Amino acid sequence: MVVKTNRGIYEVTSVDIICEKRVPFNGQVVRLVQKANNIADASALKFNLSVSVLDLPYAEDSIFVGNLGNAVLQETVDSIAQTGYTDLTKWEFQKEQTYPNKCVFDDGASAPYICGGTIGMLNPFVSEDIYDDFDNENEDDLSKFEDEQLREVLRELGDYTFLQLGQMTREELETEYNRLEVEQ
């Protein structure tokens, strides 16, 4: 299978059909995302690339395309099943974002968004505001963030595996976050 993007043509080992929802909870909007049990409920696709692609902005081994209307998603899946190919250049995407929480999600009424697959699937139960909180002026005060929130941000900013992040103590997480902030 292959997928064509504006940056090139990539070999794909598999395509995951994803269900993504945003739901209000406790005064915030929570993003839920996982492999779909039923294609009728799906709104995103995760293209698993055969090799990690360094020329993509997110240096990932997969591409996550979200906010797809279900009819468009099913048409794309059918095309892949019949031809082993899909062309993402035919879609007008939202402005490229690092995190899916920055993208418009309205079940495909507006343009789809694209991001790194691992980023697209990261900790689905974390609030949309988490990344915005890290961008605030008071970023030196990391005490208000849980360890999982720091791990998620470090995964995006640095070259860490989930295992490495999971084994870090709170002190190590804060040290790495501060080190990466200085480098950027």
Protein backbone atom coordinates (compact mmCIF):
# COMPACT_ATOMS: atom_id res chain seq x y z
CA MET A 1 0.00 0.00 0.00
CA VAL A 2 1.11 3.56 -0.59
CA VAL A 3 -0.09 7.00 0.49
CA LYS A 4 0.64 10.20 -1.42
CA THR A 5 1.11 13.42 0.56
CA ASN A 6 2.33 16.87 -0.37
CA ARG A 7 5.76 15.78 0.88
CA GLY A 8 6.07 12.52 -1.02
CA ILE A 9 4.81 8.98 -1.54
CA TYR A 10 5.22 6.61 1.40
CA GLU A 11 4.86 2.88 1.76
CA VAL A 12 2.18 1.94 4.28
CA THR A 13 2.14 -1.34 6.19
CA SER A 14 -1.42 -0.95 7.50
CA VAL A 15 -4.19 1.57 8.04
CA ASP A 16 -6.02 1.81 11.36
CA ILE A 17 -9.60 3.03 11.33
CA ILE A 18 -10.02 5.38 14.30
CA CYS A 19 -12.95 6.70 16.30
CA GLU A 20 -12.33 10.19 17.68
CA LYS A 21 -14.74 12.22 19.75
CA ARG A 22 -14.57 15.40 21.80
CA VAL A 23 -16.90 15.46 24.77
CA PRO A 24 -17.59 18.11 27.40
CA PHE A 25 -16.65 16.93 30.87
CA ASN A 26 -16.21 18.85 34.09
CA GLY A 27 -16.03 22.23 32.35
CA GLN A 28 -13.50 21.12 29.74
CA VAL A 29 -13.51 19.30 26.42
CA VAL A 30 -11.92 15.87 26.60
CA ARG A 31 -10.56 14.15 23.49
CA LEU A 32 -11.28 10.42 23.19
CA VAL A 33 -9.52 8.38 20.51
CA GLN A 34 -9.04 4.67 19.84
CA LYS A 35 -9.32 2.05 17.10
CA ALA A 36 -12.89 1.91 15.89
CA ASN A 37 -15.03 -1.12 16.65
CA ASN A 38 -17.37 -0.13 13.82
CA ILE A 39 -16.41 1.83 10.69
CA ALA A 40 -19.76 3.66 10.88
CA ASP A 41 -18.48 5.42 14.03
CA ALA A 42 -15.04 6.25 12.63
CA SER A 43 -13.75 9.75 11.88
CA ALA A 44 -9.97 9.32 11.45
CA LEU A 45 -7.32 7.17 9.77
CA LYS A 46 -3.84 6.29 11.00
CA PHE A 47 -1.45 5.32 8.20
CA ASN A 48 1.35 3.14 9.61
CA LEU A 49 4.46 3.76 7.51
CA SER A 50 6.96 1.02 6.73
CA VAL A 51 9.85 3.21 7.93
CA SER A 52 10.14 6.26 10.15
CA VAL A 53 10.03 9.31 7.91
CA LEU A 54 12.34 12.11 8.97
CA ASP A 55 11.19 14.67 6.41
CA LEU A 56 7.72 14.88 7.92
CA PRO A 57 7.41 17.72 10.44
CA TYR A 58 6.76 15.25 13.23
CA ALA A 59 9.39 12.58 12.32
CA GLU A 60 6.92 9.79 12.86
CA ASP A 61 6.34 6.25 11.70
CA SER A 62 2.69 7.02 11.03
CA ILE A 63 0.39 9.75 9.77
CA PHE A 64 -2.86 10.56 11.58
CA VAL A 65 -5.67 12.18 9.57
CA GLY A 66 -8.59 13.32 11.71
CA ASN A 67 -11.89 15.18 11.39
CA LEU A 68 -12.98 13.10 8.43
CA GLY A 69 -16.65 12.84 7.62
CA ASN A 70 -17.66 9.19 7.75
CA ALA A 71 -18.61 9.07 4.05
CA VAL A 72 -15.17 10.43 3.06
CA LEU A 73 -13.48 8.00 5.43
CA GLN A 74 -15.35 5.01 4.02
CA GLU A 75 -14.64 6.11 0.44
CA THR A 76 -10.92 6.37 1.29
CA VAL A 77 -10.87 2.94 2.97
CA ASP A 78 -12.67 1.42 -0.05
CA SER A 79 -10.11 3.00 -2.39
CA ILE A 80 -7.23 1.62 -0.34
CA ALA A 81 -8.83 -1.85 -0.27
CA GLN A 82 -9.39 -1.83 -4.05
CA THR A 83 -6.21 -0.15 -5.29
CA GLY A 84 -3.76 -0.20 -2.37
CA TYR A 85 -3.35 3.55 -2.80
CA THR A 86 -4.77 6.83 -1.56
CA ASP A 87 -3.96 10.42 -2.45
CA LEU A 88 -4.10 12.83 0.49
CA THR A 89 -3.18 15.77 -1.75
CA LYS A 90 -6.79 15.93 -2.96
CA TRP A 91 -7.85 17.26 0.45
CA GLU A 92 -7.50 20.79 1.72
CA PHE A 93 -6.19 20.34 5.28
CA GLN A 94 -6.46 22.63 8.26
CA LYS A 95 -3.32 24.62 9.05
CA GLU A 96 -0.71 22.11 10.23
CA GLN A 97 -0.66 21.79 13.99
CA THR A 98 1.66 19.97 16.36
CA TYR A 99 -1.12 18.74 18.63
CA PRO A 100 -4.60 17.52 17.69
CA ASN A 101 -6.18 19.69 20.42
CA LYS A 102 -5.28 22.76 18.35
CA CYS A 103 -7.34 21.48 15.40
CA VAL A 104 -11.01 22.00 14.63
CA PHE A 105 -13.02 18.85 15.24
CA ASP A 106 -16.60 18.87 13.95
CA ASP A 107 -17.10 15.36 12.55
CA GLY A 108 -15.92 16.37 9.09
CA ALA A 109 -18.05 19.49 8.57
CA SER A 110 -14.83 21.47 8.03
CA ALA A 111 -11.44 20.44 6.67
CA PRO A 112 -9.58 17.38 7.98
CA TYR A 113 -6.37 17.77 9.98
CA ILE A 114 -3.11 15.87 9.79
CA CYS A 115 -0.47 15.17 12.44
CA GLY A 116 2.01 12.51 13.48
CA GLY A 117 0.26 9.24 14.21
CA THR A 118 1.76 8.74 17.64
CA ILE A 119 0.82 12.31 18.52
CA GLY A 120 -2.68 11.70 17.19
CA MET A 121 -3.09 8.63 19.40
CA LEU A 122 -1.36 9.99 22.52
CA ASN A 123 -3.09 9.77 25.89
CA PRO A 124 -6.66 10.18 24.68
CA PHE A 125 -8.03 11.01 28.11
CA VAL A 126 -6.00 14.20 28.63
CA SER A 127 -7.88 17.48 28.40
CA GLU A 128 -7.54 19.68 25.32
CA ASP A 129 -6.21 22.53 27.47
CA ILE A 130 -3.13 20.67 28.67
CA TYR A 131 -0.84 21.91 25.90
CA ASP A 132 -2.12 25.46 26.18
CA ASP A 133 -1.22 25.43 29.87
CA PHE A 134 2.40 24.67 28.98
CA ASP A 135 2.50 27.70 26.68
CA ASN A 136 1.36 30.14 29.38
CA GLU A 137 3.67 32.75 30.89
CA ASN A 138 3.97 30.77 34.14
CA GLU A 139 5.68 27.81 32.45
CA ASP A 140 8.42 27.69 35.08
CA ASP A 141 5.90 26.41 37.65
CA LEU A 142 5.61 22.74 36.74
CA SER A 143 4.05 21.78 40.08
CA LYS A 144 0.50 22.15 38.73
CA PHE A 145 1.10 19.43 36.13
CA GLU A 146 0.74 15.72 36.78
CA ASP A 147 3.57 13.36 35.82
CA GLU A 148 1.54 12.00 32.87
CA GLN A 149 1.07 15.50 31.50
CA LEU A 150 4.81 16.14 31.64
CA ARG A 151 5.48 12.78 29.97
CA GLU A 152 3.10 13.63 27.15
CA VAL A 153 4.70 17.01 26.50
CA LEU A 154 8.22 15.54 26.70
CA ARG A 155 7.23 12.87 24.17
CA GLU A 156 6.29 15.67 21.77
CA LEU A 157 9.31 17.87 22.42
CA GLY A 158 12.06 15.30 22.67
CA ASP A 159 13.25 11.98 21.34
CA TYR A 160 12.00 9.70 24.13
CA THR A 161 10.37 6.29 24.05
CA PHE A 162 7.31 5.57 26.14
CA LEU A 163 9.43 3.18 28.22
CA GLN A 164 12.04 5.87 28.96
CA LEU A 165 9.37 8.36 29.98
CA GLY A 166 7.56 5.80 32.10
CA GLN A 167 10.73 5.08 34.07
CA MET A 168 11.53 8.75 34.81
CA THR A 169 10.99 10.13 38.28
CA ARG A 170 9.20 13.44 38.80
CA GLU A 171 12.54 15.19 39.27
CA GLU A 172 13.92 13.69 36.03
CA LEU A 173 10.79 14.74 34.12
CA GLU A 174 11.13 18.34 35.30
CA THR A 175 14.87 18.38 34.56
CA GLU A 176 14.32 17.09 31.01
CA TYR A 177 11.48 19.55 30.40
CA ASN A 178 13.63 22.48 31.54
CA ARG A 179 16.57 21.23 29.43
CA LEU A 180 14.41 21.01 26.31
CA GLU A 181 12.89 24.44 26.91
CA VAL A 182 16.39 25.96 27.05
CA GLU A 183 17.39 24.23 23.77
CA GLN A 184 14.33 25.50 21.91
